[in-house]
Every structure is written in C-alpha cells, then in structure tokens.
Amino acid sequence: MANRSKKAVLSARVDPYLKAALELLAVSRNEKIVKILESCLENGMNDRIIANPFKTPQKKLEKVSFMVAFAAIWSENETLYKLRAGTLGPDFAGEELSMVAMFINGDKYFDGEFDVFGDLNGSKDTFGFEPRMQPRVNLALVEREWPIVEEYVRFLSNNKPLQPGYADYKSMRAHSLAK
C-alpha cells in the first residue's frame, strides 16, 4: 500500500476566474497556492453537513460535519481506512467501497481479533460516537486480499446472475492467471 502520510498530487480544472482569485489570495497573504488550496478544501469539507454515520447518545448530533466523521475513521493504513469508510455504508463511501467492506465484514473467512473501529480516533470520548457495527477482522489477511475482494465485488456486479462464492472466484482467477 502507498504511504498515505506524504503529500498527494491533485490535478483539477477550474474556471479561470477561480484560478486568478486563488493566485491573488496567495500573493496577498504571502502564502503558497497549495497552502491556500488545502485550507479551502478542508474548510469546504468542514462546511458539508451529513447524516451522522455513528450512533450517539445525543440527539443534537444527528448531523455532523463531513470532516468530523472523516477524522473518526481516518488511518494512514489505507486498507483500514477504506474498510472503516465502506462499513459506514454507501451514503458515506459509495456503493463499491461499501460492498467490499460489507463482504469482508460478513464473511467468516476474514474473521479475526482486530477491532475495525477501535476508539474512532478519540471520537468515542469526544462525541460519544459508537459504530453501528463492531466488526472484528484478521487485518493482515484483509490487507493481503483487499485487491482481490475489490475485483470479486466488481465481477459479481458485472456478471449477474453468475454469483460464485469467494473461494470459487479465487480459484477461477488463479486458473485464468496461470494461462
């Protein structure tokens, strides 16, 4: 997996007036454009309010900032981060990632002792967040097989009504790769 602690390159097309405004703001603040962009992105995601994907004892937290929920699941371990996000469901992480996570969480093959959510990066104490599911997995196995599970989920989606089990899919895959 890639080291997620380093800076990532982001390429985007923006309207010329937004680019000019960004450049002017950076010059006026004597800051680099990338610093302004990072700040704008984070502020924008803080302003996005979503249905709280966690259980809470407080009714006032039915909706939260996207970044509050994101901070609760973030991990530099990309597989763990994706598993947490997908476990929160398609409204939070999209259909495919959610299907991968639900398959892993529901298949005995991946059962283990690792608590997927842990303390939610301190959000249990800070906000009273509790995950709606408390999956425990063999994280090393999940990390090793994550790309295969992603392929399997795409295969199932693209080849309905064919629905082989995961072990059968891996066998078919190994056979086709051996040729």
C-alpha atoms as a PDB file:
ATOM      1  CA  MET A   1       0.000   0.000   0.000  1.00  0.00           C
ATOM      2  CA  ALA A   2       1.101   3.542  -0.632  1.00  0.00           C
ATOM      3  CA  ASN A   3       2.408   5.680   2.194  1.00  0.00           C
ATOM      4  CA  ARG A   4      -0.554   7.933   2.892  1.00  0.00           C
ATOM      5  CA  SER A   5       1.366  10.324   5.170  1.00  0.00           C
ATOM      6  CA  LYS A   6       3.089  12.129   2.279  1.00  0.00           C
ATOM      7  CA  LYS A   7       1.539  14.871   0.216  1.00  0.00           C
ATOM      8  CA  ALA A   8      -0.632  13.746  -2.681  1.00  0.00           C
ATOM      9  CA  VAL A   9      -0.794  15.353  -6.088  1.00  0.00           C
ATOM     10  CA  LEU A  10      -4.211  16.632  -7.077  1.00  0.00           C
ATOM     11  CA  SER A  11      -4.995  17.841 -10.558  1.00  0.00           C
ATOM     12  CA  ALA A  12      -8.155  19.809 -11.188  1.00  0.00           C
ATOM     13  CA  ARG A  13      -9.595  22.050 -13.870  1.00  0.00           C
ATOM     14  CA  VAL A  14     -11.071  25.265 -12.507  1.00  0.00           C
ATOM     15  CA  ASP A  15     -12.606  28.304 -14.086  1.00  0.00           C
ATOM     16  CA  PRO A  16     -10.039  30.982 -14.952  1.00  0.00           C
ATOM     17  CA  TYR A  17     -11.580  33.476 -12.522  1.00  0.00           C
ATOM     18  CA  LEU A  18     -11.156  30.982  -9.639  1.00  0.00           C
ATOM     19  CA  LYS A  19      -7.511  30.437 -10.585  1.00  0.00           C
ATOM     20  CA  ALA A  20      -6.930  34.186 -10.698  1.00  0.00           C
ATOM     21  CA  ALA A  21      -8.647  34.619  -7.330  1.00  0.00           C
ATOM     22  CA  LEU A  22      -6.535  31.833  -5.832  1.00  0.00           C
ATOM     23  CA  GLU A  23      -3.322  33.383  -7.143  1.00  0.00           C
ATOM     24  CA  LEU A  24      -4.317  36.836  -5.869  1.00  0.00           C
ATOM     25  CA  LEU A  25      -5.251  35.497  -2.424  1.00  0.00           C
ATOM     26  CA  ALA A  26      -1.949  33.617  -2.181  1.00  0.00           C
ATOM     27  CA  VAL A  27       0.049  36.722  -3.128  1.00  0.00           C
ATOM     28  CA  SER A  28      -1.928  38.970  -0.771  1.00  0.00           C
ATOM     29  CA  ARG A  29      -1.374  36.573   2.144  1.00  0.00           C
ATOM     30  CA  ASN A  30       2.224  35.824   1.157  1.00  0.00           C
ATOM     31  CA  GLU A  31       1.373  32.114   1.170  1.00  0.00           C
ATOM     32  CA  LYS A  32       1.863  29.350  -1.331  1.00  0.00           C
ATOM     33  CA  ILE A  33      -1.094  28.468  -3.552  1.00  0.00           C
ATOM     34  CA  VAL A  34      -1.052  24.879  -2.293  1.00  0.00           C
ATOM     35  CA  LYS A  35      -1.470  26.081   1.332  1.00  0.00           C
ATOM     36  CA  ILE A  36      -4.476  28.193   0.328  1.00  0.00           C
ATOM     37  CA  LEU A  37      -5.957  25.245  -1.598  1.00  0.00           C
ATOM     38  CA  GLU A  38      -5.513  22.867   1.352  1.00  0.00           C
ATOM     39  CA  SER A  39      -7.214  25.373   3.646  1.00  0.00           C
ATOM     40  CA  CYS A  40     -10.098  25.912   1.197  1.00  0.00           C
ATOM     41  CA  LEU A  41     -10.607  22.178   0.730  1.00  0.00           C
ATOM     42  CA  GLU A  42     -10.627  21.442   4.451  1.00  0.00           C
ATOM     43  CA  ASN A  43     -12.922  24.376   5.222  1.00  0.00           C
ATOM     44  CA  GLY A  44     -15.275  23.313   2.443  1.00  0.00           C
ATOM     45  CA  MET A  45     -15.462  19.751   3.765  1.00  0.00           C
ATOM     46  CA  ASN A  46     -15.974  21.070   7.304  1.00  0.00           C
ATOM     47  CA  ASP A  47     -18.951  23.030   5.986  1.00  0.00           C
ATOM     48  CA  ARG A  48     -20.549  19.919   4.413  1.00  0.00           C
ATOM     49  CA  ILE A  49     -23.091  18.544   6.853  1.00  0.00           C
ATOM     50  CA  ILE A  50     -24.037  14.874   6.582  1.00  0.00           C
ATOM     51  CA  ALA A  51     -26.242  12.438   8.459  1.00  0.00           C
ATOM     52  CA  ASN A  52     -24.133  11.137  11.326  1.00  0.00           C
ATOM     53  CA  PRO A  53     -22.986   7.620  10.348  1.00  0.00           C
ATOM     54  CA  PHE A  54     -22.400   6.744  14.021  1.00  0.00           C
ATOM     55  CA  LYS A  55     -24.708   6.049  16.928  1.00  0.00           C
ATOM     56  CA  THR A  56     -24.646   8.756  19.603  1.00  0.00           C
ATOM     57  CA  PRO A  57     -26.441   9.240  22.884  1.00  0.00           C
ATOM     58  CA  GLN A  58     -27.048  12.888  21.968  1.00  0.00           C
ATOM     59  CA  LYS A  59     -29.920  13.760  19.635  1.00  0.00           C
ATOM     60  CA  LYS A  60     -28.178  17.016  18.684  1.00  0.00           C
ATOM     61  CA  LEU A  61     -25.569  15.018  16.770  1.00  0.00           C
ATOM     62  CA  GLU A  62     -27.960  13.570  14.170  1.00  0.00           C
ATOM     63  CA  LYS A  63     -25.994  15.594  11.614  1.00  0.00           C
ATOM     64  CA  VAL A  64     -22.260  16.287  11.679  1.00  0.00           C
ATOM     65  CA  SER A  65     -19.605  17.898   9.572  1.00  0.00           C
ATOM     66  CA  PHE A  66     -18.189  15.518   6.990  1.00  0.00           C
ATOM     67  CA  MET A  67     -14.713  16.162   8.422  1.00  0.00           C
ATOM     68  CA  VAL A  68     -15.804  15.196  11.946  1.00  0.00           C
ATOM     69  CA  ALA A  69     -16.950  11.800  10.649  1.00  0.00           C
ATOM     70  CA  PHE A  70     -13.886  11.502   8.412  1.00  0.00           C
ATOM     71  CA  ALA A  71     -11.495  12.248  11.283  1.00  0.00           C
ATOM     72  CA  ALA A  72     -13.130   9.434  13.276  1.00  0.00           C
ATOM     73  CA  ILE A  73     -12.259   6.818  10.645  1.00  0.00           C
ATOM     74  CA  TRP A  74      -9.001   8.136   9.193  1.00  0.00           C
ATOM     75  CA  SER A  75      -5.959   5.881   9.308  1.00  0.00           C
ATOM     76  CA  GLU A  76      -2.681   6.058   7.430  1.00  0.00           C
ATOM     77  CA  ASN A  77      -3.253   2.335   6.828  1.00  0.00           C
ATOM     78  CA  GLU A  78      -5.142   2.640   3.544  1.00  0.00           C
ATOM     79  CA  THR A  79      -6.877  -0.735   3.844  1.00  0.00           C
ATOM     80  CA  LEU A  80      -8.130   0.010   7.356  1.00  0.00           C
ATOM     81  CA  TYR A  81      -9.302   3.473   6.336  1.00  0.00           C
ATOM     82  CA  LYS A  82     -11.207   2.076   3.336  1.00  0.00           C
ATOM     83  CA  LEU A  83     -12.697  -0.743   5.419  1.00  0.00           C
ATOM     84  CA  ARG A  84     -13.918   1.745   8.017  1.00  0.00           C
ATOM     85  CA  ALA A  85     -15.341   4.087   5.378  1.00  0.00           C
ATOM     86  CA  GLY A  86     -17.072   1.288   3.484  1.00  0.00           C
ATOM     87  CA  THR A  87     -18.531  -0.132   6.691  1.00  0.00           C
ATOM     88  CA  LEU A  88     -20.299   3.186   7.261  1.00  0.00           C
ATOM     89  CA  GLY A  89     -22.326   2.491   4.129  1.00  0.00           C
ATOM     90  CA  PRO A  90     -22.899   3.751   0.598  1.00  0.00           C
ATOM     91  CA  ASP A  91     -24.129   7.187   1.681  1.00  0.00           C
ATOM     92  CA  PHE A  92     -20.708   7.822   3.202  1.00  0.00           C
ATOM     93  CA  ALA A  93     -18.343   5.866   0.952  1.00  0.00           C
ATOM     94  CA  GLY A  94     -20.163   4.999  -2.266  1.00  0.00           C
ATOM     95  CA  GLU A  95     -21.614   1.693  -3.474  1.00  0.00           C
ATOM     96  CA  GLU A  96     -18.491  -0.234  -4.462  1.00  0.00           C
ATOM     97  CA  LEU A  97     -16.416   0.517  -1.362  1.00  0.00           C
ATOM     98  CA  SER A  98     -19.418  -0.234   0.803  1.00  0.00           C
ATOM     99  CA  MET A  99     -19.979  -3.582  -0.930  1.00  0.00           C
ATOM    100  CA  VAL A 100     -16.301  -4.543  -0.460  1.00  0.00           C
ATOM    101  CA  ALA A 101     -16.421  -3.664   3.239  1.00  0.00           C
ATOM    102  CA  MET A 102     -19.724  -5.435   3.845  1.00  0.00           C
ATOM    103  CA  PHE A 103     -18.429  -8.559   2.129  1.00  0.00           C
ATOM    104  CA  ILE A 104     -15.282  -8.582   4.276  1.00  0.00           C
ATOM    105  CA  ASN A 105     -17.202  -7.852   7.481  1.00  0.00           C
ATOM    106  CA  GLY A 106     -19.766 -10.547   6.734  1.00  0.00           C
ATOM    107  CA  ASP A 107     -17.538 -13.376   5.525  1.00  0.00           C
ATOM    108  CA  LYS A 108     -16.222 -15.767   8.185  1.00  0.00           C
ATOM    109  CA  TYR A 109     -13.034 -16.152   6.129  1.00  0.00           C
ATOM    110  CA  PHE A 110     -11.908 -12.674   7.276  1.00  0.00           C
ATOM    111  CA  ASP A 111     -12.930 -13.040  10.945  1.00  0.00           C
ATOM    112  CA  GLY A 112     -10.250 -12.136  13.453  1.00  0.00           C
ATOM    113  CA  GLU A 113      -9.481 -10.234  16.618  1.00  0.00           C
ATOM    114  CA  PHE A 114      -8.751  -6.778  15.199  1.00  0.00           C
ATOM    115  CA  ASP A 115     -11.424  -4.213  16.158  1.00  0.00           C
ATOM    116  CA  VAL A 116     -12.003  -2.304  12.906  1.00  0.00           C
ATOM    117  CA  PHE A 117     -13.163   0.920  14.554  1.00  0.00           C
ATOM    118  CA  GLY A 118     -11.239   0.910  17.831  1.00  0.00           C
ATOM    119  CA  ASP A 119     -11.882   4.178  19.676  1.00  0.00           C
ATOM    120  CA  LEU A 120     -12.732   6.041  16.458  1.00  0.00           C
ATOM    121  CA  ASN A 121      -9.596   8.162  16.848  1.00  0.00           C
ATOM    122  CA  GLY A 122     -10.862   9.564  20.135  1.00  0.00           C
ATOM    123  CA  SER A 123     -14.365  10.330  18.842  1.00  0.00           C
ATOM    124  CA  LYS A 124     -15.918   7.882  21.318  1.00  0.00           C
ATOM    125  CA  ASP A 125     -14.804  10.084  24.192  1.00  0.00           C
ATOM    126  CA  THR A 126     -15.170  13.437  22.422  1.00  0.00           C
ATOM    127  CA  PHE A 127     -18.585  12.968  20.779  1.00  0.00           C
ATOM    128  CA  GLY A 128     -19.908   9.699  22.192  1.00  0.00           C
ATOM    129  CA  PHE A 129     -19.709   8.101  18.743  1.00  0.00           C
ATOM    130  CA  GLU A 130     -20.272   4.351  18.529  1.00  0.00           C
ATOM    131  CA  PRO A 131     -20.059   2.400  15.271  1.00  0.00           C
ATOM    132  CA  ARG A 132     -23.330   0.853  14.106  1.00  0.00           C
ATOM    133  CA  MET A 133     -21.391  -2.387  13.530  1.00  0.00           C
ATOM    134  CA  GLN A 134     -18.463  -3.694  15.557  1.00  0.00           C
ATOM    135  CA  PRO A 135     -16.622  -5.886  13.050  1.00  0.00           C
ATOM    136  CA  ARG A 136     -13.508  -7.792  14.019  1.00  0.00           C
ATOM    137  CA  VAL A 137     -11.248  -8.986  11.242  1.00  0.00           C
ATOM    138  CA  ASN A 138      -7.893 -10.560  10.553  1.00  0.00           C
ATOM    139  CA  LEU A 139      -6.395  -7.274   9.346  1.00  0.00           C
ATOM    140  CA  ALA A 140      -3.275  -8.856   7.816  1.00  0.00           C
ATOM    141  CA  LEU A 141      -5.492 -11.156   5.717  1.00  0.00           C
ATOM    142  CA  VAL A 142      -7.763  -8.258   4.728  1.00  0.00           C
ATOM    143  CA  GLU A 143      -4.734  -6.179   3.681  1.00  0.00           C
ATOM    144  CA  ARG A 144      -3.336  -9.041   1.628  1.00  0.00           C
ATOM    145  CA  GLU A 145      -6.625  -9.837  -0.141  1.00  0.00           C
ATOM    146  CA  TRP A 146      -8.188  -6.366  -0.441  1.00  0.00           C
ATOM    147  CA  PRO A 147      -7.421  -6.012  -4.181  1.00  0.00           C
ATOM    148  CA  ILE A 148      -8.862  -9.475  -4.870  1.00  0.00           C
ATOM    149  CA  VAL A 149     -12.030  -8.665  -2.936  1.00  0.00           C
ATOM    150  CA  GLU A 150     -12.374  -5.433  -4.946  1.00  0.00           C
ATOM    151  CA  GLU A 151     -12.090  -7.473  -8.167  1.00  0.00           C
ATOM    152  CA  TYR A 152     -14.587 -10.023  -6.818  1.00  0.00           C
ATOM    153  CA  VAL A 153     -17.175  -7.369  -5.999  1.00  0.00           C
ATOM    154  CA  ARG A 154     -16.785  -5.813  -9.465  1.00  0.00           C
ATOM    155  CA  PHE A 155     -17.015  -9.293 -11.025  1.00  0.00           C
ATOM    156  CA  LEU A 156     -20.273 -10.029  -9.172  1.00  0.00           C
ATOM    157  CA  SER A 157     -21.701  -6.666 -10.173  1.00  0.00           C
ATOM    158  CA  ASN A 158     -20.772  -7.092 -13.845  1.00  0.00           C
ATOM    159  CA  ASN A 159     -21.715 -10.767 -14.252  1.00  0.00           C
ATOM    160  CA  LYS A 160     -25.208 -11.136 -12.849  1.00  0.00           C
ATOM    161  CA  PRO A 161     -26.761 -13.688 -12.401  1.00  0.00           C
ATOM    162  CA  LEU A 162     -23.430 -15.548 -12.052  1.00  0.00           C
ATOM    163  CA  GLN A 163     -22.614 -15.437  -8.335  1.00  0.00           C
ATOM    164  CA  PRO A 164     -19.708 -17.738  -7.435  1.00  0.00           C
ATOM    165  CA  GLY A 165     -18.527 -17.841  -3.843  1.00  0.00           C
ATOM    166  CA  TYR A 166     -15.307 -16.051  -2.959  1.00  0.00           C
ATOM    167  CA  ALA A 167     -13.237 -19.263  -2.815  1.00  0.00           C
ATOM    168  CA  ASP A 168     -14.578 -20.317  -6.228  1.00  0.00           C
ATOM    169  CA  TYR A 169     -13.804 -16.878  -7.643  1.00  0.00           C
ATOM    170  CA  LYS A 170     -10.223 -17.036  -6.350  1.00  0.00           C
ATOM    171  CA  SER A 171      -9.852 -20.479  -7.892  1.00  0.00           C
ATOM    172  CA  MET A 172     -11.195 -19.263 -11.262  1.00  0.00           C
ATOM    173  CA  ARG A 173      -8.932 -16.224 -11.043  1.00  0.00           C
ATOM    174  CA  ALA A 174      -5.831 -18.309 -10.249  1.00  0.00           C
ATOM    175  CA  HIS A 175      -6.666 -20.642 -13.132  1.00  0.00           C
ATOM    176  CA  SER A 176      -7.035 -17.776 -15.609  1.00  0.00           C
ATOM    177  CA  LEU A 177      -3.840 -16.086 -14.416  1.00  0.00           C
ATOM    178  CA  ALA A 178      -1.904 -19.364 -14.784  1.00  0.00           C
ATOM    179  CA  LYS A 179      -2.650 -19.474 -18.511  1.00  0.00           C
END
